[in-house]
Amino acid sequence: MTAIEARLLKRLKQLPPGRLAEVVDFVEFLAAHEERAAAAARLGEAMTKLDALNLAPLSEDEIEEEVQTARKARRPGA
């Protein structure tokens, strides 16, 4: 256990249950923020790779066809 982990555990043990719930909420908020930042970075990388392919944009009809195909694939028994 690192020094900071020991320090946090010591302080957490001193908090009343209501405050512990607030700490949990805050830690979950921080974790979600990190997950969103990582997802945004992955999306940016994917967009850069996609742009490098120089593909023609999809038409509205092609997009609708893709959406309908994906919806059918998710239906039970499809």
PDB file of N, CA and C in Angstrom:
ATOM      1  N   MET A   1       0.852  -1.178   0.000  1.00  0.00           N
ATOM      2  CA  MET A   1       0.000   0.000   0.000  1.00  0.00           C
ATOM      3  C   MET A   1       0.896   1.239   0.000  1.00  0.00           C
ATOM      4  N   THR A   2       0.532   2.190  -0.849  1.00  0.00           N
ATOM      5  CA  THR A   2       1.324   3.422  -0.924  1.00  0.00           C
ATOM      6  C   THR A   2       0.983   4.335   0.246  1.00  0.00           C
ATOM      7  N   ALA A   3       1.812   5.323   0.430  1.00  0.00           N
ATOM      8  CA  ALA A   3       1.600   6.280   1.523  1.00  0.00           C
ATOM      9  C   ALA A   3       0.280   7.028   1.339  1.00  0.00           C
ATOM     10  N   ILE A   4      -0.028   7.372   0.101  1.00  0.00           N
ATOM     11  CA  ILE A   4      -1.275   8.123  -0.123  1.00  0.00           C
ATOM     12  C   ILE A   4      -2.495   7.240   0.137  1.00  0.00           C
ATOM     13  N   GLU A   5      -2.396   5.954  -0.225  1.00  0.00           N
ATOM     14  CA  GLU A   5      -3.511   5.035   0.045  1.00  0.00           C
ATOM     15  C   GLU A   5      -3.732   4.885   1.546  1.00  0.00           C
ATOM     16  N   ALA A   6      -2.646   4.751   2.288  1.00  0.00           N
ATOM     17  CA  ALA A   6      -2.751   4.639   3.750  1.00  0.00           C
ATOM     18  C   ALA A   6      -3.350   5.900   4.347  1.00  0.00           C
ATOM     19  N   ARG A   7      -2.919   7.044   3.844  1.00  0.00           N
ATOM     20  CA  ARG A   7      -3.439   8.328   4.332  1.00  0.00           C
ATOM     21  C   ARG A   7      -4.939   8.441   4.054  1.00  0.00           C
ATOM     22  N   LEU A   8      -5.340   8.058   2.835  1.00  0.00           N
ATOM     23  CA  LEU A   8      -6.766   8.110   2.487  1.00  0.00           C
ATOM     24  C   LEU A   8      -7.583   7.174   3.354  1.00  0.00           C
ATOM     25  N   LEU A   9      -7.109   5.952   3.534  1.00  0.00           N
ATOM     26  CA  LEU A   9      -7.850   4.992   4.363  1.00  0.00           C
ATOM     27  C   LEU A   9      -8.009   5.505   5.798  1.00  0.00           C
ATOM     28  N   LYS A  10      -6.946   6.076   6.325  1.00  0.00           N
ATOM     29  CA  LYS A  10      -7.011   6.619   7.688  1.00  0.00           C
ATOM     30  C   LYS A  10      -8.081   7.703   7.778  1.00  0.00           C
ATOM     31  N   ARG A  11      -8.082   8.601   6.800  1.00  0.00           N
ATOM     32  CA  ARG A  11      -9.058   9.693   6.811  1.00  0.00           C
ATOM     33  C   ARG A  11     -10.476   9.178   6.573  1.00  0.00           C
ATOM     34  N   LEU A  12     -10.617   8.195   5.671  1.00  0.00           N
ATOM     35  CA  LEU A  12     -11.943   7.644   5.387  1.00  0.00           C
ATOM     36  C   LEU A  12     -12.552   7.000   6.628  1.00  0.00           C
ATOM     37  N   LYS A  13     -11.745   6.345   7.412  1.00  0.00           N
ATOM     38  CA  LYS A  13     -12.236   5.686   8.625  1.00  0.00           C
ATOM     39  C   LYS A  13     -12.758   6.688   9.652  1.00  0.00           C
ATOM     40  N   GLN A  14     -12.350   7.934   9.517  1.00  0.00           N
ATOM     41  CA  GLN A  14     -12.777   8.969  10.460  1.00  0.00           C
ATOM     42  C   GLN A  14     -14.085   9.642  10.044  1.00  0.00           C
ATOM     43  N   LEU A  15     -14.529   9.375   8.824  1.00  0.00           N
ATOM     44  CA  LEU A  15     -15.727  10.050   8.314  1.00  0.00           C
ATOM     45  C   LEU A  15     -17.006   9.325   8.713  1.00  0.00           C
ATOM     46  N   PRO A  16     -18.082  10.096   8.941  1.00  0.00           N
ATOM     47  CA  PRO A  16     -19.382   9.464   9.187  1.00  0.00           C
ATOM     48  C   PRO A  16     -19.927   8.871   7.882  1.00  0.00           C
ATOM     49  N   PRO A  17     -20.875   7.922   7.979  1.00  0.00           N
ATOM     50  CA  PRO A  17     -21.397   7.248   6.788  1.00  0.00           C
ATOM     51  C   PRO A  17     -21.912   8.192   5.696  1.00  0.00           C
ATOM     52  N   GLY A  18     -22.559   9.268   6.071  1.00  0.00           N
ATOM     53  CA  GLY A  18     -23.071  10.218   5.078  1.00  0.00           C
ATOM     54  C   GLY A  18     -21.960  10.835   4.242  1.00  0.00           C
ATOM     55  N   ARG A  19     -20.876  11.148   4.911  1.00  0.00           N
ATOM     56  CA  ARG A  19     -19.739  11.723   4.199  1.00  0.00           C
ATOM     57  C   ARG A  19     -19.048  10.672   3.323  1.00  0.00           C
ATOM     58  N   LEU A  20     -19.023   9.423   3.781  1.00  0.00           N
ATOM     59  CA  LEU A  20     -18.442   8.358   2.966  1.00  0.00           C
ATOM     60  C   LEU A  20     -19.208   8.203   1.659  1.00  0.00           C
ATOM     61  N   ALA A  21     -20.522   8.340   1.737  1.00  0.00           N
ATOM     62  CA  ALA A  21     -21.337   8.260   0.523  1.00  0.00           C
ATOM     63  C   ALA A  21     -20.973   9.383  -0.443  1.00  0.00           C
ATOM     64  N   GLU A  22     -20.699  10.568   0.094  1.00  0.00           N
ATOM     65  CA  GLU A  22     -20.279  11.684  -0.752  1.00  0.00           C
ATOM     66  C   GLU A  22     -18.928  11.395  -1.408  1.00  0.00           C
ATOM     67  N   VAL A  23     -18.025  10.784  -0.655  1.00  0.00           N
ATOM     68  CA  VAL A  23     -16.711  10.435  -1.200  1.00  0.00           C
ATOM     69  C   VAL A  23     -16.872   9.437  -2.338  1.00  0.00           C
ATOM     70  N   VAL A  24     -17.707   8.426  -2.130  1.00  0.00           N
ATOM     71  CA  VAL A  24     -17.959   7.425  -3.174  1.00  0.00           C
ATOM     72  C   VAL A  24     -18.513   8.111  -4.421  1.00  0.00           C
ATOM     73  N   ASP A  25     -19.485   8.994  -4.245  1.00  0.00           N
ATOM     74  CA  ASP A  25     -20.052   9.716  -5.390  1.00  0.00           C
ATOM     75  C   ASP A  25     -18.978  10.503  -6.132  1.00  0.00           C
ATOM     76  N   PHE A  26     -18.110  11.171  -5.373  1.00  0.00           N
ATOM     77  CA  PHE A  26     -17.061  11.976  -6.000  1.00  0.00           C
ATOM     78  C   PHE A  26     -16.063  11.107  -6.753  1.00  0.00           C
ATOM     79  N   VAL A  27     -15.673   9.985  -6.159  1.00  0.00           N
ATOM     80  CA  VAL A  27     -14.731   9.075  -6.815  1.00  0.00           C
ATOM     81  C   VAL A  27     -15.355   8.514  -8.087  1.00  0.00           C
ATOM     82  N   GLU A  28     -16.630   8.173  -8.039  1.00  0.00           N
ATOM     83  CA  GLU A  28     -17.318   7.673  -9.232  1.00  0.00           C
ATOM     84  C   GLU A  28     -17.411   8.760 -10.304  1.00  0.00           C
ATOM     85  N   PHE A  29     -17.620   9.999  -9.891  1.00  0.00           N
ATOM     86  CA  PHE A  29     -17.626  11.120 -10.828  1.00  0.00           C
ATOM     87  C   PHE A  29     -16.273  11.244 -11.521  1.00  0.00           C
ATOM     88  N   LEU A  30     -15.194  11.184 -10.734  1.00  0.00           N
ATOM     89  CA  LEU A  30     -13.858  11.275 -11.312  1.00  0.00           C
ATOM     90  C   LEU A  30     -13.575  10.133 -12.280  1.00  0.00           C
ATOM     91  N   ALA A  31     -13.981   8.914 -11.909  1.00  0.00           N
ATOM     92  CA  ALA A  31     -13.764   7.761 -12.778  1.00  0.00           C
ATOM     93  C   ALA A  31     -14.540   7.917 -14.078  1.00  0.00           C
ATOM     94  N   ALA A  32     -15.778   8.380 -13.993  1.00  0.00           N
ATOM     95  CA  ALA A  32     -16.591   8.583 -15.200  1.00  0.00           C
ATOM     96  C   ALA A  32     -15.962   9.654 -16.090  1.00  0.00           C
ATOM     97  N   HIS A  33     -15.426  10.689 -15.475  1.00  0.00           N
ATOM     98  CA  HIS A  33     -14.761  11.748 -16.245  1.00  0.00           C
ATOM     99  C   HIS A  33     -13.562  11.176 -17.003  1.00  0.00           C
ATOM    100  N   GLU A  34     -12.786  10.340 -16.352  1.00  0.00           N
ATOM    101  CA  GLU A  34     -11.629   9.715 -17.000  1.00  0.00           C
ATOM    102  C   GLU A  34     -12.073   8.803 -18.139  1.00  0.00           C
ATOM    103  N   GLU A  35     -13.155   8.052 -17.923  1.00  0.00           N
ATOM    104  CA  GLU A  35     -13.673   7.163 -18.966  1.00  0.00           C
ATOM    105  C   GLU A  35     -14.149   7.961 -20.180  1.00  0.00           C
ATOM    106  N   ARG A  36     -14.840   9.074 -19.930  1.00  0.00           N
ATOM    107  CA  ARG A  36     -15.295   9.925 -21.044  1.00  0.00           C
ATOM    108  C   ARG A  36     -14.111  10.521 -21.801  1.00  0.00           C
ATOM    109  N   ALA A  37     -13.082  10.938 -21.074  1.00  0.00           N
ATOM    110  CA  ALA A  37     -11.896  11.507 -21.727  1.00  0.00           C
ATOM    111  C   ALA A  37     -11.205  10.453 -22.587  1.00  0.00           C
ATOM    112  N   ALA A  38     -11.111   9.226 -22.080  1.00  0.00           N
ATOM    113  CA  ALA A  38     -10.486   8.144 -22.846  1.00  0.00           C
ATOM    114  C   ALA A  38     -11.319   7.817 -24.086  1.00  0.00           C
ATOM    115  N   ALA A  39     -12.642   7.791 -23.928  1.00  0.00           N
ATOM    116  CA  ALA A  39     -13.524   7.520 -25.070  1.00  0.00           C
ATOM    117  C   ALA A  39     -13.406   8.626 -26.124  1.00  0.00           C
ATOM    118  N   ALA A  40     -13.314   9.860 -25.678  1.00  0.00           N
ATOM    119  CA  ALA A  40     -13.162  10.979 -26.617  1.00  0.00           C
ATOM    120  C   ALA A  40     -11.842  10.869 -27.375  1.00  0.00           C
ATOM    121  N   ALA A  41     -10.788  10.452 -26.681  1.00  0.00           N
ATOM    122  CA  ALA A  41      -9.492  10.286 -27.339  1.00  0.00           C
ATOM    123  C   ALA A  41      -9.563   9.174 -28.379  1.00  0.00           C
ATOM    124  N   ARG A  42     -10.220   8.050 -28.025  1.00  0.00           N
ATOM    125  CA  ARG A  42     -10.369   6.950 -28.985  1.00  0.00           C
ATOM    126  C   ARG A  42     -11.191   7.387 -30.189  1.00  0.00           C
ATOM    127  N   LEU A  43     -12.244   8.159 -29.950  1.00  0.00           N
ATOM    128  CA  LEU A  43     -13.069   8.643 -31.048  1.00  0.00           C
ATOM    129  C   LEU A  43     -12.260   9.558 -31.964  1.00  0.00           C
ATOM    130  N   GLY A  44     -11.469  10.434 -31.382  1.00  0.00           N
ATOM    131  CA  GLY A  44     -10.626  11.318 -32.173  1.00  0.00           C
ATOM    132  C   GLY A  44      -9.641  10.538 -33.037  1.00  0.00           C
ATOM    133  N   GLU A  45      -9.048   9.502 -32.467  1.00  0.00           N
ATOM    134  CA  GLU A  45      -8.121   8.660 -33.228  1.00  0.00           C
ATOM    135  C   GLU A  45      -8.847   7.953 -34.366  1.00  0.00           C
ATOM    136  N   ALA A  46     -10.047   7.443 -34.078  1.00  0.00           N
ATOM    137  CA  ALA A  46     -10.820   6.753 -35.107  1.00  0.00           C
ATOM    138  C   ALA A  46     -11.208   7.714 -36.237  1.00  0.00           C
ATOM    139  N   MET A  47     -11.587   8.930 -35.876  1.00  0.00           N
ATOM    140  CA  MET A  47     -11.954   9.909 -36.902  1.00  0.00           C
ATOM    141  C   MET A  47     -10.754  10.265 -37.775  1.00  0.00           C
ATOM    142  N   THR A  48      -9.584  10.364 -37.171  1.00  0.00           N
ATOM    143  CA  THR A  48      -8.371  10.660 -37.935  1.00  0.00           C
ATOM    144  C   THR A  48      -8.085   9.534 -38.924  1.00  0.00           C
ATOM    145  N   LYS A  49      -8.219   8.282 -38.466  1.00  0.00           N
ATOM    146  CA  LYS A  49      -7.999   7.133 -39.352  1.00  0.00           C
ATOM    147  C   LYS A  49      -9.042   7.096 -40.465  1.00  0.00           C
ATOM    148  N   LEU A  50     -10.288   7.404 -40.113  1.00  0.00           N
ATOM    149  CA  LEU A  50     -11.362   7.409 -41.102  1.00  0.00           C
ATOM    150  C   LEU A  50     -11.129   8.489 -42.151  1.00  0.00           C
ATOM    151  N   ASP A  51     -10.734   9.661 -41.714  1.00  0.00           N
ATOM    152  CA  ASP A  51     -10.435  10.749 -42.660  1.00  0.00           C
ATOM    153  C   ASP A  51      -9.307  10.373 -43.613  1.00  0.00           C
ATOM    154  N   ALA A  52      -8.331   9.619 -43.110  1.00  0.00           N
ATOM    155  CA  ALA A  52      -7.186   9.233 -43.932  1.00  0.00           C
ATOM    156  C   ALA A  52      -7.585   8.272 -45.057  1.00  0.00           C
ATOM    157  N   LEU A  53      -8.731   7.616 -44.916  1.00  0.00           N
ATOM    158  CA  LEU A  53      -9.184   6.689 -45.958  1.00  0.00           C
ATOM    159  C   LEU A  53      -9.727   7.413 -47.189  1.00  0.00           C
ATOM    160  N   ASN A  54     -10.072   8.676 -47.053  1.00  0.00           N
ATOM    161  CA  ASN A  54     -10.598   9.485 -48.159  1.00  0.00           C
ATOM    162  C   ASN A  54     -11.804   8.838 -48.837  1.00  0.00           C
ATOM    163  N   LEU A  55     -12.719   8.301 -48.036  1.00  0.00           N
ATOM    164  CA  LEU A  55     -13.921   7.681 -48.580  1.00  0.00           C
ATOM    165  C   LEU A  55     -14.976   8.742 -48.891  1.00  0.00           C
ATOM    166  N   ALA A  56     -15.785   8.445 -49.880  1.00  0.00           N
ATOM    167  CA  ALA A  56     -16.896   9.345 -50.206  1.00  0.00           C
ATOM    168  C   ALA A  56     -17.922   9.283 -49.068  1.00  0.00           C
ATOM    169  N   PRO A  57     -18.555  10.405 -48.750  1.00  0.00           N
ATOM    170  CA  PRO A  57     -19.572  10.390 -47.688  1.00  0.00           C
ATOM    171  C   PRO A  57     -20.763   9.528 -48.091  1.00  0.00           C
ATOM    172  N   LEU A  58     -21.422   8.952 -47.068  1.00  0.00           N
ATOM    173  CA  LEU A  58     -22.620   8.151 -47.316  1.00  0.00           C
ATOM    174  C   LEU A  58     -23.798   9.065 -47.629  1.00  0.00           C
ATOM    175  N   SER A  59     -24.690   8.570 -48.472  1.00  0.00           N
ATOM    176  CA  SER A  59     -25.921   9.308 -48.759  1.00  0.00           C
ATOM    177  C   SER A  59     -26.911   9.080 -47.617  1.00  0.00           C
ATOM    178  N   GLU A  60     -27.960   9.871 -47.582  1.00  0.00           N
ATOM    179  CA  GLU A  60     -29.006   9.694 -46.575  1.00  0.00           C
ATOM    180  C   GLU A  60     -29.602   8.295 -46.658  1.00  0.00           C
ATOM    181  N   ASP A  61     -29.817   7.805 -47.873  1.00  0.00           N
ATOM    182  CA  ASP A  61     -30.381   6.461 -48.061  1.00  0.00           C
ATOM    183  C   ASP A  61     -29.436   5.385 -47.544  1.00  0.00           C
ATOM    184  N   GLU A  62     -28.144   5.543 -47.772  1.00  0.00           N
ATOM    185  CA  GLU A  62     -27.165   4.568 -47.286  1.00  0.00           C
ATOM    186  C   GLU A  62     -27.106   4.560 -45.756  1.00  0.00           C
ATOM    187  N   ILE A  63     -27.209   5.733 -45.172  1.00  0.00           N
ATOM    188  CA  ILE A  63     -27.220   5.823 -43.708  1.00  0.00           C
ATOM    189  C   ILE A  63     -28.455   5.137 -43.157  1.00  0.00           C
ATOM    190  N   GLU A  64     -29.613   5.397 -43.751  1.00  0.00           N
ATOM    191  CA  GLU A  64     -30.855   4.781 -43.297  1.00  0.00           C
ATOM    192  C   GLU A  64     -30.777   3.261 -43.430  1.00  0.00           C
ATOM    193  N   GLU A  65     -30.201   2.778 -44.509  1.00  0.00           N
ATOM    194  CA  GLU A  65     -30.057   1.339 -44.704  1.00  0.00           C
ATOM    195  C   GLU A  65     -29.166   0.724 -43.618  1.00  0.00           C
ATOM    196  N   GLU A  66     -28.080   1.401 -43.284  1.00  0.00           N
ATOM    197  CA  GLU A  66     -27.190   0.930 -42.219  1.00  0.00           C
ATOM    198  C   GLU A  66     -27.919   0.878 -40.877  1.00  0.00           C
ATOM    199  N   VAL A  67     -28.689   1.918 -40.577  1.00  0.00           N
ATOM    200  CA  VAL A  67     -29.440   1.972 -39.320  1.00  0.00           C
ATOM    201  C   VAL A  67     -30.437   0.822 -39.252  1.00  0.00           C
ATOM    202  N   GLN A  68     -31.186   0.613 -40.319  1.00  0.00           N
ATOM    203  CA  GLN A  68     -32.189  -0.454 -40.334  1.00  0.00           C
ATOM    204  C   GLN A  68     -31.538  -1.832 -40.203  1.00  0.00           C
ATOM    205  N   THR A  69     -30.412  -2.030 -40.849  1.00  0.00           N
ATOM    206  CA  THR A  69     -29.692  -3.304 -40.749  1.00  0.00           C
ATOM    207  C   THR A  69     -29.228  -3.554 -39.322  1.00  0.00           C
ATOM    208  N   ALA A  70     -28.703  -2.526 -38.673  1.00  0.00           N
ATOM    209  CA  ALA A  70     -28.247  -2.663 -37.287  1.00  0.00           C
ATOM    210  C   ALA A  70     -29.421  -2.952 -36.359  1.00  0.00           C
ATOM    211  N   ARG A  71     -30.551  -2.302 -36.582  1.00  0.00           N
ATOM    212  CA  ARG A  71     -31.734  -2.539 -35.744  1.00  0.00           C
ATOM    213  C   ARG A  71     -32.239  -3.970 -35.907  1.00  0.00           C
ATOM    214  N   LYS A  72     -32.266  -4.456 -37.134  1.00  0.00           N
ATOM    215  CA  LYS A  72     -32.700  -5.832 -37.375  1.00  0.00           C
ATOM    216  C   LYS A  72     -31.770  -6.826 -36.697  1.00  0.00           C
ATOM    217  N   ALA A  73     -30.481  -6.549 -36.716  1.00  0.00           N
ATOM    218  CA  ALA A  73     -29.508  -7.463 -36.113  1.00  0.00           C
ATOM    219  C   ALA A  73     -29.660  -7.536 -34.593  1.00  0.00           C
ATOM    220  N   ARG A  74     -30.173  -6.475 -33.980  1.00  0.00           N
ATOM    221  CA  ARG A  74     -30.349  -6.446 -32.523  1.00  0.00           C
ATOM    222  C   ARG A  74     -31.659  -7.069 -32.071  1.00  0.00           C
ATOM    223  N   ARG A  75     -32.592  -7.273 -32.979  1.00  0.00           N
ATOM    224  CA  ARG A  75     -33.882  -7.834 -32.596  1.00  0.00           C
ATOM    225  C   ARG A  75     -33.727  -9.294 -32.208  1.00  0.00           C
ATOM    226  N   PRO A  76     -34.442  -9.725 -31.167  1.00  0.00           N
ATOM    227  CA  PRO A  76     -34.397 -11.137 -30.795  1.00  0.00           C
ATOM    228  C   PRO A  76     -34.919 -12.009 -31.936  1.00  0.00           C
ATOM    229  N   GLY A  77     -34.244 -13.108 -32.187  1.00  0.00           N
ATOM    230  CA  GLY A  77     -34.680 -14.032 -33.246  1.00  0.00           C
ATOM    231  C   GLY A  77     -34.286 -13.595 -34.634  1.00  0.00           C
ATOM    232  N   ALA A  78     -33.511 -12.504 -34.735  1.00  0.00           N
ATOM    233  CA  ALA A  78     -33.123 -12.012 -36.068  1.00  0.00           C
ATOM    234  C   ALA A  78     -31.994 -12.813 -36.654  1.00  0.00           C
TER     235      ALA A  78
END
